Amino acid sequence: MRPVRLPGPAKGLRIGLFGGSFNPAHTGHLHLAETAMKRLRLDWVWWIVARGNPLKSDHGDFNARLASAEAIAGHHPRMIVTDIEQQLGYSYSWPTLLTLVSHAPEADFVWLMGADNMVGFHHWRRWQDIARLMPIAIVARPGVGPGARNSKFTRTFVKDRIAEAYAPLLPDLAAPAWVYLTGPLDPSSSTAIREGRA
């Protein structure tokens, strides 16, 4: 097993893993993390800044993306921004998550994802294995309608969805298990920020 230094305490804790390019990070990302933390009753959210995104051509400078995530979430007492994927040298979520689970088997991890990413989740490498590795919380995002709720992921794992009212139980459940969280939305967009529209 590859040695790794965990971003923070893990044993016996409920931890949301929030991966992303964060190119740049914005208040919408923070809103998603805070929503998941509150609704799932998480102890921590670890922001995993992606080393690169195989599905995107413009990754942006890693250090700039890491700094933008720190600027948005670094002040939060229960959020940690980590470069663990860069340390490990991985460009895909699957080996990163598998490494974290292997090093912290007594943590209750939940993968956090915006509904905008759920639409294309089936293009991710070993996406079904990710869904079977840990529970997933999907948070509503502006402009994402029925397509997200009818994605290949939701159809494949339709029997594993739990009602939103039971969201606090998600970290305790064995995967596959997932929930779709609705609520107030933050319209911020990394693309709009990069294009000078925000």
Protein backbone atom coordinates (compact mmCIF):
# COMPACT_ATOMS: atom_id res chain seq x y z
CA MET A 1 0.00 0.00 0.00
CA ARG A 2 1.34 3.40 -0.97
CA PRO A 3 2.18 5.51 2.12
CA VAL A 4 0.09 8.63 2.49
CA ARG A 5 -0.31 11.37 5.07
CA LEU A 6 -4.01 11.93 5.68
CA PRO A 7 -5.22 15.55 5.50
CA GLY A 8 -6.66 15.38 9.01
CA PRO A 9 -8.09 13.12 11.72
CA ALA A 10 -10.28 10.36 10.36
CA LYS A 11 -10.87 7.51 12.82
CA GLY A 12 -14.52 7.26 13.79
CA LEU A 13 -15.42 10.49 11.98
CA ARG A 14 -18.00 11.28 9.29
CA ILE A 15 -16.05 12.88 6.45
CA GLY A 16 -17.29 14.31 3.18
CA LEU A 17 -14.81 14.01 0.31
CA PHE A 18 -15.33 16.85 -2.13
CA GLY A 19 -13.21 16.49 -5.24
CA GLY A 20 -12.99 19.01 -8.02
CA SER A 21 -10.86 20.99 -10.42
CA PHE A 22 -11.80 24.19 -8.57
CA ASN A 23 -10.75 26.26 -11.57
CA PRO A 24 -11.35 28.49 -9.71
CA ALA A 25 -13.12 27.59 -6.47
CA HIS A 26 -16.12 29.81 -5.74
CA THR A 27 -18.97 30.36 -3.29
CA GLY A 28 -21.06 27.71 -5.07
CA HIS A 29 -18.49 25.11 -4.06
CA LEU A 30 -18.56 26.36 -0.48
CA HIS A 31 -22.37 26.30 -0.51
CA LEU A 32 -22.31 22.67 -1.67
CA ALA A 33 -19.82 21.69 1.05
CA GLU A 34 -21.75 23.51 3.77
CA THR A 35 -25.06 22.03 2.61
CA ALA A 36 -23.63 18.51 2.74
CA MET A 37 -21.98 19.13 6.11
CA LYS A 38 -25.24 20.31 7.65
CA ARG A 39 -27.64 17.85 6.04
CA LEU A 40 -25.43 14.77 6.47
CA ARG A 41 -24.14 15.87 9.89
CA LEU A 42 -20.54 15.52 8.81
CA ASP A 43 -17.62 16.15 11.14
CA TRP A 44 -15.35 17.29 8.30
CA VAL A 45 -15.27 18.05 4.61
CA TRP A 46 -11.99 17.43 2.81
CA TRP A 47 -11.63 19.38 -0.43
CA ILE A 48 -9.57 17.24 -2.81
CA VAL A 49 -8.10 19.51 -5.48
CA ALA A 50 -7.79 17.40 -8.61
CA ARG A 51 -4.33 16.92 -10.03
CA GLY A 52 -5.94 17.09 -13.45
CA ASN A 53 -9.30 16.31 -14.99
CA PRO A 54 -9.14 13.77 -17.83
CA LEU A 55 -12.56 14.96 -19.04
CA LYS A 56 -11.50 18.61 -19.35
CA SER A 57 -8.90 20.14 -21.66
CA ASP A 58 -8.16 23.23 -19.56
CA HIS A 59 -7.11 22.16 -16.06
CA GLY A 60 -5.56 25.46 -15.04
CA ASP A 61 -2.45 25.77 -12.91
CA PHE A 62 -2.61 23.37 -9.95
CA ASN A 63 -1.13 25.80 -7.40
CA ALA A 64 -3.55 28.54 -8.47
CA ARG A 65 -6.50 26.16 -8.12
CA LEU A 66 -5.27 25.00 -4.71
CA ALA A 67 -4.92 28.63 -3.60
CA SER A 68 -8.43 29.48 -4.79
CA ALA A 69 -9.86 26.57 -2.78
CA GLU A 70 -7.89 27.70 0.28
CA ALA A 71 -9.23 31.24 -0.15
CA ILE A 72 -12.82 29.97 -0.26
CA ALA A 73 -12.76 27.18 2.35
CA GLY A 74 -9.55 27.61 4.33
CA HIS A 75 -11.24 29.79 6.95
CA HIS A 76 -13.85 27.14 7.80
CA PRO A 77 -13.02 25.34 11.07
CA ARG A 78 -14.19 21.95 9.79
CA MET A 79 -12.99 22.02 6.20
CA ILE A 80 -9.55 21.00 4.97
CA VAL A 81 -8.21 21.75 1.51
CA THR A 82 -5.76 19.06 0.46
CA ASP A 83 -3.32 18.39 -2.36
CA ILE A 84 -3.35 14.67 -1.60
CA GLU A 85 -4.12 13.72 -5.21
CA GLN A 86 -1.10 15.70 -6.37
CA GLN A 87 1.02 13.97 -3.71
CA LEU A 88 -0.18 10.56 -4.85
CA GLY A 89 0.30 11.39 -8.52
CA TYR A 90 -3.19 10.25 -9.51
CA SER A 91 -5.39 11.90 -12.14
CA TYR A 92 -8.52 9.87 -11.45
CA SER A 93 -10.82 9.84 -8.42
CA TRP A 94 -10.99 6.05 -8.07
CA PRO A 95 -7.39 5.36 -6.90
CA THR A 96 -7.44 8.44 -4.68
CA LEU A 97 -10.62 7.33 -2.91
CA LEU A 98 -9.44 3.74 -2.65
CA THR A 99 -6.20 4.94 -1.03
CA LEU A 100 -8.09 7.06 1.51
CA VAL A 101 -10.43 4.20 2.43
CA SER A 102 -7.46 1.82 2.77
CA HIS A 103 -5.63 4.21 5.09
CA ALA A 104 -8.67 5.16 7.17
CA PRO A 105 -10.97 2.11 7.28
CA GLU A 106 -12.69 3.32 10.46
CA ALA A 107 -13.81 6.63 8.92
CA ASP A 108 -17.28 7.03 7.45
CA PHE A 109 -16.53 8.63 4.09
CA VAL A 110 -19.14 10.13 1.76
CA TRP A 111 -18.36 11.30 -1.78
CA LEU A 112 -19.84 14.76 -2.41
CA MET A 113 -20.86 15.81 -5.88
CA GLY A 114 -22.81 18.62 -7.50
CA ALA A 115 -25.77 17.61 -9.64
CA ASP A 116 -24.00 19.13 -12.66
CA ASN A 117 -21.32 16.43 -12.35
CA MET A 118 -23.84 13.65 -11.84
CA VAL A 119 -25.02 14.00 -15.46
CA GLY A 120 -21.65 12.84 -16.79
CA PHE A 121 -20.58 10.67 -13.85
CA HIS A 122 -20.82 7.54 -15.99
CA HIS A 123 -17.87 8.83 -18.06
CA TRP A 124 -15.59 8.71 -15.01
CA ARG A 125 -13.12 5.86 -14.78
CA ARG A 126 -14.59 3.06 -12.62
CA TRP A 127 -17.62 5.15 -11.67
CA GLN A 128 -19.62 2.10 -10.61
CA ASP A 129 -16.77 1.04 -8.33
CA ILE A 130 -16.78 4.51 -6.76
CA ALA A 131 -20.51 4.12 -6.09
CA ARG A 132 -19.86 0.76 -4.45
CA LEU A 133 -16.91 2.05 -2.42
CA MET A 134 -18.69 4.75 -0.41
CA PRO A 135 -22.07 6.48 -0.16
CA ILE A 136 -22.63 9.48 -2.45
CA ALA A 137 -24.41 12.75 -1.71
CA ILE A 138 -25.51 14.76 -4.73
CA VAL A 139 -26.31 18.42 -4.12
CA ALA A 140 -28.66 20.34 -6.43
CA ARG A 141 -27.03 22.97 -8.66
CA PRO A 142 -28.64 25.78 -10.69
CA GLY A 143 -29.61 24.93 -14.25
CA VAL A 144 -29.51 21.19 -13.70
CA GLY A 145 -32.96 19.78 -14.25
CA PRO A 146 -34.49 16.40 -15.03
CA GLY A 147 -31.38 15.28 -16.93
CA ALA A 148 -29.49 14.88 -13.69
CA ARG A 149 -32.24 12.92 -11.99
CA ASN A 150 -32.46 10.64 -15.03
CA SER A 151 -28.71 10.15 -15.51
CA LYS A 152 -27.10 6.78 -16.12
CA PHE A 153 -25.89 6.81 -12.51
CA THR A 154 -29.39 7.34 -11.09
CA ARG A 155 -30.87 4.66 -13.34
CA THR A 156 -28.13 2.16 -12.48
CA PHE A 157 -28.40 2.72 -8.74
CA VAL A 158 -32.10 3.60 -8.51
CA LYS A 159 -32.72 1.01 -5.76
CA ASP A 160 -29.93 2.43 -3.63
CA ARG A 161 -31.33 5.95 -3.31
CA ILE A 162 -32.52 7.02 0.13
CA ALA A 163 -35.14 9.65 0.79
CA GLU A 164 -33.83 13.14 1.48
CA ALA A 165 -35.43 13.05 4.93
CA TYR A 166 -33.00 10.27 5.87
CA ALA A 167 -29.89 12.12 4.66
CA PRO A 168 -28.28 12.18 8.14
CA LEU A 169 -28.12 8.37 8.01
CA LEU A 170 -26.14 8.26 4.75
CA PRO A 171 -22.60 8.21 6.26
CA ASP A 172 -23.57 5.14 8.32
CA LEU A 173 -24.84 3.14 5.35
CA ALA A 174 -22.92 0.58 3.34
CA ALA A 175 -22.39 1.47 -0.30
CA PRO A 176 -24.01 1.63 -2.71
CA ALA A 177 -26.25 4.27 -1.18
CA TRP A 178 -26.95 7.82 -2.29
CA VAL A 179 -29.14 10.84 -1.68
CA TYR A 180 -30.13 13.88 -3.74
CA LEU A 181 -30.14 17.04 -1.63
CA THR A 182 -32.32 19.96 -2.68
CA GLY A 183 -32.53 23.44 -1.19
CA PRO A 184 -31.38 27.01 -1.81
CA LEU A 185 -28.98 27.30 -4.74
CA ASP A 186 -25.84 29.37 -5.35
CA PRO A 187 -25.50 30.40 -9.02
CA SER A 188 -21.69 30.77 -9.02
CA SER A 189 -19.87 29.04 -11.87
CA SER A 190 -16.17 28.41 -12.48
CA THR A 191 -16.72 28.69 -16.23
CA ALA A 192 -18.44 32.06 -15.88
CA ILE A 193 -15.64 33.31 -13.62
CA ARG A 194 -12.95 32.21 -16.10
CA GLU A 195 -14.84 33.87 -18.95
CA GLY A 196 -15.30 37.09 -16.98
CA ARG A 197 -19.08 36.73 -16.77
CA ALA A 198 -19.22 36.61 -12.97
